[in-house]
Amino acid sequence: MSRVKIFNKKQPKPITVNDKEVWICQCGLSADFPFCNGTHHKIQDEPENELYQYDEKLNRKKVKIVEDN
């Protein structure tokens, strides 16, 4: 079964592990997931009410949202 996972955060989350701060990816695009590698900088211009899909080269494509009535 296929699944779509939607990430809606634009910043990583800092956590402390054994007195060392690490950053956890919340945008879903990091090549080092679950750790942040700075890729979230690519998505800073995304409007809050739009949905985008990214390919393996981080090319962005807007996804049309269809309401099911």
PDB file of N, CA and C in Angstrom:
ATOM      1  N   MET A   1       0.836  -1.175   0.000  1.00  0.00           N
ATOM      2  CA  MET A   1       0.000   0.000   0.000  1.00  0.00           C
ATOM      3  C   MET A   1       0.884   1.242   0.000  1.00  0.00           C
ATOM      4  N   SER A   2       0.548   2.210  -0.833  1.00  0.00           N
ATOM      5  CA  SER A   2       1.294   3.461  -0.888  1.00  0.00           C
ATOM      6  C   SER A   2       0.792   4.422   0.174  1.00  0.00           C
ATOM      7  N   ARG A   3       1.686   5.286   0.625  1.00  0.00           N
ATOM      8  CA  ARG A   3       1.318   6.294   1.608  1.00  0.00           C
ATOM      9  C   ARG A   3       1.934   7.631   1.231  1.00  0.00           C
ATOM     10  N   VAL A   4       1.245   8.679   1.600  1.00  0.00           N
ATOM     11  CA  VAL A   4       1.757  10.040   1.429  1.00  0.00           C
ATOM     12  C   VAL A   4       1.985  10.596   2.825  1.00  0.00           C
ATOM     13  N   LYS A   5       3.188  11.074   3.065  1.00  0.00           N
ATOM     14  CA  LYS A   5       3.514  11.668   4.355  1.00  0.00           C
ATOM     15  C   LYS A   5       3.700  13.158   4.144  1.00  0.00           C
ATOM     16  N   ILE A   6       2.971  13.958   4.901  1.00  0.00           N
ATOM     17  CA  ILE A   6       3.020  15.410   4.738  1.00  0.00           C
ATOM     18  C   ILE A   6       3.751  16.031   5.920  1.00  0.00           C
ATOM     19  N   PHE A   7       4.760  16.830   5.612  1.00  0.00           N
ATOM     20  CA  PHE A   7       5.514  17.579   6.614  1.00  0.00           C
ATOM     21  C   PHE A   7       5.108  19.040   6.472  1.00  0.00           C
ATOM     22  N   ASN A   8       4.776  19.702   7.575  1.00  0.00           N
ATOM     23  CA  ASN A   8       4.339  21.088   7.465  1.00  0.00           C
ATOM     24  C   ASN A   8       5.198  22.059   8.273  1.00  0.00           C
ATOM     25  N   LYS A   9       6.309  21.621   8.776  1.00  0.00           N
ATOM     26  CA  LYS A   9       7.222  22.501   9.512  1.00  0.00           C
ATOM     27  C   LYS A   9       8.313  22.986   8.568  1.00  0.00           C
ATOM     28  N   LYS A  10       8.831  24.186   8.850  1.00  0.00           N
ATOM     29  CA  LYS A  10       9.882  24.762   8.010  1.00  0.00           C
ATOM     30  C   LYS A  10      11.206  24.915   8.747  1.00  0.00           C
ATOM     31  N   GLN A  11      11.263  24.475   9.982  1.00  0.00           N
ATOM     32  CA  GLN A  11      12.482  24.600  10.779  1.00  0.00           C
ATOM     33  C   GLN A  11      12.762  23.281  11.491  1.00  0.00           C
ATOM     34  N   PRO A  12      14.029  22.953  11.728  1.00  0.00           N
ATOM     35  CA  PRO A  12      14.359  21.749  12.490  1.00  0.00           C
ATOM     36  C   PRO A  12      14.084  21.953  13.979  1.00  0.00           C
ATOM     37  N   LYS A  13      14.047  20.856  14.704  1.00  0.00           N
ATOM     38  CA  LYS A  13      13.811  20.909  16.148  1.00  0.00           C
ATOM     39  C   LYS A  13      15.109  20.534  16.864  1.00  0.00           C
ATOM     40  N   PRO A  14      15.610  21.420  17.715  1.00  0.00           N
ATOM     41  CA  PRO A  14      16.826  21.086  18.465  1.00  0.00           C
ATOM     42  C   PRO A  14      16.483  20.184  19.654  1.00  0.00           C
ATOM     43  N   ILE A  15      17.284  19.165  19.856  1.00  0.00           N
ATOM     44  CA  ILE A  15      17.159  18.316  21.038  1.00  0.00           C
ATOM     45  C   ILE A  15      18.558  18.080  21.603  1.00  0.00           C
ATOM     46  N   THR A  16      18.627  17.755  22.869  1.00  0.00           N
ATOM     47  CA  THR A  16      19.905  17.487  23.510  1.00  0.00           C
ATOM     48  C   THR A  16      20.009  16.001  23.807  1.00  0.00           C
ATOM     49  N   VAL A  17      21.101  15.401  23.346  1.00  0.00           N
ATOM     50  CA  VAL A  17      21.376  13.984  23.574  1.00  0.00           C
ATOM     51  C   VAL A  17      22.773  13.880  24.172  1.00  0.00           C
ATOM     52  N   ASN A  18      22.869  13.358  25.393  1.00  0.00           N
ATOM     53  CA  ASN A  18      24.167  13.217  26.065  1.00  0.00           C
ATOM     54  C   ASN A  18      24.957  14.530  26.064  1.00  0.00           C
ATOM     55  N   ASP A  19      24.299  15.613  26.435  1.00  0.00           N
ATOM     56  CA  ASP A  19      24.906  16.946  26.511  1.00  0.00           C
ATOM     57  C   ASP A  19      25.343  17.510  25.157  1.00  0.00           C
ATOM     58  N   LYS A  20      24.872  16.919  24.072  1.00  0.00           N
ATOM     59  CA  LYS A  20      25.193  17.424  22.738  1.00  0.00           C
ATOM     60  C   LYS A  20      23.888  17.813  22.038  1.00  0.00           C
ATOM     61  N   GLU A  21      23.864  19.025  21.454  1.00  0.00           N
ATOM     62  CA  GLU A  21      22.668  19.456  20.743  1.00  0.00           C
ATOM     63  C   GLU A  21      22.690  18.916  19.316  1.00  0.00           C
ATOM     64  N   VAL A  22      21.583  18.291  18.913  1.00  0.00           N
ATOM     65  CA  VAL A  22      21.407  17.820  17.537  1.00  0.00           C
ATOM     66  C   VAL A  22      20.101  18.418  17.017  1.00  0.00           C
ATOM     67  N   TRP A  23      19.986  18.505  15.715  1.00  0.00           N
ATOM     68  CA  TRP A  23      18.810  19.104  15.092  1.00  0.00           C
ATOM     69  C   TRP A  23      18.054  18.023  14.324  1.00  0.00           C
ATOM     70  N   ILE A  24      16.759  17.909  14.613  1.00  0.00           N
ATOM     71  CA  ILE A  24      15.908  16.904  13.987  1.00  0.00           C
ATOM     72  C   ILE A  24      15.121  17.552  12.847  1.00  0.00           C
ATOM     73  N   CYS A  25      15.165  16.922  11.683  1.00  0.00           N
ATOM     74  CA  CYS A  25      14.471  17.430  10.496  1.00  0.00           C
ATOM     75  C   CYS A  25      12.959  17.384  10.714  1.00  0.00           C
ATOM     76  N   GLN A  26      12.296  18.490  10.392  1.00  0.00           N
ATOM     77  CA  GLN A  26      10.839  18.537  10.438  1.00  0.00           C
ATOM     78  C   GLN A  26      10.233  18.899   9.079  1.00  0.00           C
ATOM     79  N   CYS A  27      11.097  19.128   8.079  1.00  0.00           N
ATOM     80  CA  CYS A  27      10.583  19.433   6.741  1.00  0.00           C
ATOM     81  C   CYS A  27      10.455  18.169   5.895  1.00  0.00           C
ATOM     82  N   GLY A  28      11.169  17.105   6.279  1.00  0.00           N
ATOM     83  CA  GLY A  28      11.081  15.840   5.567  1.00  0.00           C
ATOM     84  C   GLY A  28      11.987  15.715   4.362  1.00  0.00           C
ATOM     85  N   LEU A  29      12.825  16.701   4.081  1.00  0.00           N
ATOM     86  CA  LEU A  29      13.651  16.679   2.871  1.00  0.00           C
ATOM     87  C   LEU A  29      15.124  16.368   3.115  1.00  0.00           C
ATOM     88  N   SER A  30      15.534  16.249   4.348  1.00  0.00           N
ATOM     89  CA  SER A  30      16.948  16.031   4.653  1.00  0.00           C
ATOM     90  C   SER A  30      17.440  14.687   4.121  1.00  0.00           C
ATOM     91  N   ALA A  31      18.593  14.695   3.474  1.00  0.00           N
ATOM     92  CA  ALA A  31      19.228  13.458   3.026  1.00  0.00           C
ATOM     93  C   ALA A  31      19.761  12.671   4.216  1.00  0.00           C
ATOM     94  N   ASP A  32      19.877  13.325   5.375  1.00  0.00           N
ATOM     95  CA  ASP A  32      20.359  12.689   6.599  1.00  0.00           C
ATOM     96  C   ASP A  32      19.211  12.412   7.573  1.00  0.00           C
ATOM     97  N   PHE A  33      17.977  12.354   7.075  1.00  0.00           N
ATOM     98  CA  PHE A  33      16.802  12.170   7.925  1.00  0.00           C
ATOM     99  C   PHE A  33      17.013  11.001   8.885  1.00  0.00           C
ATOM    100  N   PRO A  34      16.739  11.156  10.153  1.00  0.00           N
ATOM    101  CA  PRO A  34      15.914  12.171  10.786  1.00  0.00           C
ATOM    102  C   PRO A  34      16.684  13.421  11.211  1.00  0.00           C
ATOM    103  N   PHE A  35      17.961  13.510  10.882  1.00  0.00           N
ATOM    104  CA  PHE A  35      18.752  14.674  11.275  1.00  0.00           C
ATOM    105  C   PHE A  35      18.710  15.749  10.189  1.00  0.00           C
ATOM    106  N   CYS A  36      18.741  16.994  10.600  1.00  0.00           N
ATOM    107  CA  CYS A  36      18.694  18.130   9.679  1.00  0.00           C
ATOM    108  C   CYS A  36      20.032  18.287   8.946  1.00  0.00           C
ATOM    109  N   ASN A  37      19.952  18.582   7.646  1.00  0.00           N
ATOM    110  CA  ASN A  37      21.167  18.906   6.887  1.00  0.00           C
ATOM    111  C   ASN A  37      21.061  20.281   6.223  1.00  0.00           C
ATOM    112  N   GLY A  38      20.065  21.081   6.637  1.00  0.00           N
ATOM    113  CA  GLY A  38      19.915  22.432   6.108  1.00  0.00           C
ATOM    114  C   GLY A  38      19.011  22.559   4.894  1.00  0.00           C
ATOM    115  N   THR A  39      18.461  21.456   4.419  1.00  0.00           N
ATOM    116  CA  THR A  39      17.621  21.487   3.224  1.00  0.00           C
ATOM    117  C   THR A  39      16.374  22.336   3.414  1.00  0.00           C
ATOM    118  N   HIS A  40      15.943  22.550   4.653  1.00  0.00           N
ATOM    119  CA  HIS A  40      14.741  23.354   4.908  1.00  0.00           C
ATOM    120  C   HIS A  40      14.861  24.778   4.362  1.00  0.00           C
ATOM    121  N   HIS A  41      16.067  25.236   4.101  1.00  0.00           N
ATOM    122  CA  HIS A  41      16.237  26.580   3.537  1.00  0.00           C
ATOM    123  C   HIS A  41      15.596  26.677   2.149  1.00  0.00           C
ATOM    124  N   LYS A  42      15.486  25.540   1.452  1.00  0.00           N
ATOM    125  CA  LYS A  42      14.890  25.513   0.113  1.00  0.00           C
ATOM    126  C   LYS A  42      13.382  25.782   0.147  1.00  0.00           C
ATOM    127  N   ILE A  43      12.724  25.554   1.280  1.00  0.00           N
ATOM    128  CA  ILE A  43      11.266  25.648   1.335  1.00  0.00           C
ATOM    129  C   ILE A  43      10.747  26.903   2.018  1.00  0.00           C
ATOM    130  N   GLN A  44      11.614  27.808   2.390  1.00  0.00           N
ATOM    131  CA  GLN A  44      11.198  28.987   3.149  1.00  0.00           C
ATOM    132  C   GLN A  44      10.199  29.866   2.405  1.00  0.00           C
ATOM    133  N   ASP A  45      10.173  29.823   1.084  1.00  0.00           N
ATOM    134  CA  ASP A  45       9.262  30.674   0.314  1.00  0.00           C
ATOM    135  C   ASP A  45       7.913  30.016   0.019  1.00  0.00           C
ATOM    136  N   GLU A  46       7.670  28.817   0.538  1.00  0.00           N
ATOM    137  CA  GLU A  46       6.390  28.152   0.305  1.00  0.00           C
ATOM    138  C   GLU A  46       5.269  28.845   1.079  1.00  0.00           C
ATOM    139  N   PRO A  47       4.165  29.192   0.409  1.00  0.00           N
ATOM    140  CA  PRO A  47       3.015  29.734   1.124  1.00  0.00           C
ATOM    141  C   PRO A  47       2.429  28.671   2.068  1.00  0.00           C
ATOM    142  N   GLU A  48       1.892  29.094   3.195  1.00  0.00           N
ATOM    143  CA  GLU A  48       1.377  28.180   4.212  1.00  0.00           C
ATOM    144  C   GLU A  48       0.199  27.335   3.739  1.00  0.00           C
ATOM    145  N   ASN A  49      -0.607  27.840   2.823  1.00  0.00           N
ATOM    146  CA  ASN A  49      -1.829  27.140   2.436  1.00  0.00           C
ATOM    147  C   ASN A  49      -1.705  26.355   1.134  1.00  0.00           C
ATOM    148  N   GLU A  50      -0.492  26.054   0.705  1.00  0.00           N
ATOM    149  CA  GLU A  50      -0.283  25.288  -0.521  1.00  0.00           C
ATOM    150  C   GLU A  50       0.493  24.016  -0.221  1.00  0.00           C
ATOM    151  N   LEU A  51       0.345  23.029  -1.099  1.00  0.00           N
ATOM    152  CA  LEU A  51       0.977  21.724  -0.926  1.00  0.00           C
ATOM    153  C   LEU A  51       1.945  21.488  -2.079  1.00  0.00           C
ATOM    154  N   TYR A  52       3.141  20.995  -1.751  1.00  0.00           N
ATOM    155  CA  TYR A  52       4.165  20.750  -2.773  1.00  0.00           C
ATOM    156  C   TYR A  52       4.706  19.336  -2.660  1.00  0.00           C
ATOM    157  N   GLN A  53       5.145  18.821  -3.795  1.00  0.00           N
ATOM    158  CA  GLN A  53       5.793  17.520  -3.854  1.00  0.00           C
ATOM    159  C   GLN A  53       7.209  17.748  -4.365  1.00  0.00           C
ATOM    160  N   TYR A  54       8.171  17.022  -3.793  1.00  0.00           N
ATOM    161  CA  TYR A  54       9.568  17.150  -4.191  1.00  0.00           C
ATOM    162  C   TYR A  54      10.071  15.818  -4.738  1.00  0.00           C
ATOM    163  N   ASP A  55      10.882  15.880  -5.798  1.00  0.00           N
ATOM    164  CA  ASP A  55      11.489  14.660  -6.312  1.00  0.00           C
ATOM    165  C   ASP A  55      12.856  14.454  -5.646  1.00  0.00           C
ATOM    166  N   GLU A  56      13.563  13.429  -6.059  1.00  0.00           N
ATOM    167  CA  GLU A  56      14.841  13.094  -5.420  1.00  0.00           C
ATOM    168  C   GLU A  56      15.919  14.157  -5.613  1.00  0.00           C
ATOM    169  N   LYS A  57      15.753  15.046  -6.605  1.00  0.00           N
ATOM    170  CA  LYS A  57      16.691  16.149  -6.821  1.00  0.00           C
ATOM    171  C   LYS A  57      16.193  17.449  -6.187  1.00  0.00           C
ATOM    172  N   LEU A  58      15.139  17.339  -5.378  1.00  0.00           N
ATOM    173  CA  LEU A  58      14.521  18.462  -4.669  1.00  0.00           C
ATOM    174  C   LEU A  58      13.888  19.489  -5.603  1.00  0.00           C
ATOM    175  N   ASN A  59      13.452  19.030  -6.778  1.00  0.00           N
ATOM    176  CA  ASN A  59      12.660  19.887  -7.658  1.00  0.00           C
ATOM    177  C   ASN A  59      11.249  19.932  -7.098  1.00  0.00           C
ATOM    178  N   ARG A  60      10.670  21.105  -7.027  1.00  0.00           N
ATOM    179  CA  ARG A  60       9.361  21.310  -6.405  1.00  0.00           C
ATOM    180  C   ARG A  60       8.251  21.369  -7.436  1.00  0.00           C
ATOM    181  N   LYS A  61       7.124  20.729  -7.099  1.00  0.00           N
ATOM    182  CA  LYS A  61       5.936  20.767  -7.948  1.00  0.00           C
ATOM    183  C   LYS A  61       4.727  21.011  -7.055  1.00  0.00           C
ATOM    184  N   LYS A  62       3.908  22.006  -7.403  1.00  0.00           N
ATOM    185  CA  LYS A  62       2.708  22.309  -6.632  1.00  0.00           C
ATOM    186  C   LYS A  62       1.678  21.210  -6.861  1.00  0.00           C
ATOM    187  N   VAL A  63       1.014  20.786  -5.781  1.00  0.00           N
ATOM    188  CA  VAL A  63       0.005  19.750  -5.840  1.00  0.00           C
ATOM    189  C   VAL A  63      -1.356  20.414  -5.671  1.00  0.00           C
ATOM    190  N   LYS A  64      -2.276  20.070  -6.552  1.00  0.00           N
ATOM    191  CA  LYS A  64      -3.625  20.616  -6.466  1.00  0.00           C
ATOM    192  C   LYS A  64      -4.396  19.882  -5.365  1.00  0.00           C
ATOM    193  N   ILE A  65      -5.015  20.644  -4.476  1.00  0.00           N
ATOM    194  CA  ILE A  65      -5.791  20.069  -3.385  1.00  0.00           C
ATOM    195  C   ILE A  65      -7.251  20.017  -3.820  1.00  0.00           C
ATOM    196  N   VAL A  66      -7.828  18.816  -3.756  1.00  0.00           N
ATOM    197  CA  VAL A  66      -9.215  18.615  -4.147  1.00  0.00           C
ATOM    198  C   VAL A  66      -9.994  18.220  -2.895  1.00  0.00           C
ATOM    199  N   GLU A  67     -11.022  18.976  -2.602  1.00  0.00           N
ATOM    200  CA  GLU A  67     -11.883  18.682  -1.455  1.00  0.00           C
ATOM    201  C   GLU A  67     -12.854  17.584  -1.826  1.00  0.00           C
ATOM    202  N   ASP A  68     -13.023  16.603  -0.953  1.00  0.00           N
ATOM    203  CA  ASP A  68     -13.969  15.513  -1.164  1.00  0.00           C
ATOM    204  C   ASP A  68     -15.261  15.868  -0.444  1.00  0.00           C
ATOM    205  N   ASN A  69     -16.320  16.082  -1.214  1.00  0.00           N
ATOM    206  CA  ASN A  69     -17.604  16.473  -0.596  1.00  0.00           C
ATOM    207  C   ASN A  69     -18.536  15.321  -0.475  1.00  0.00           C
TER     208      ASN A  69
END
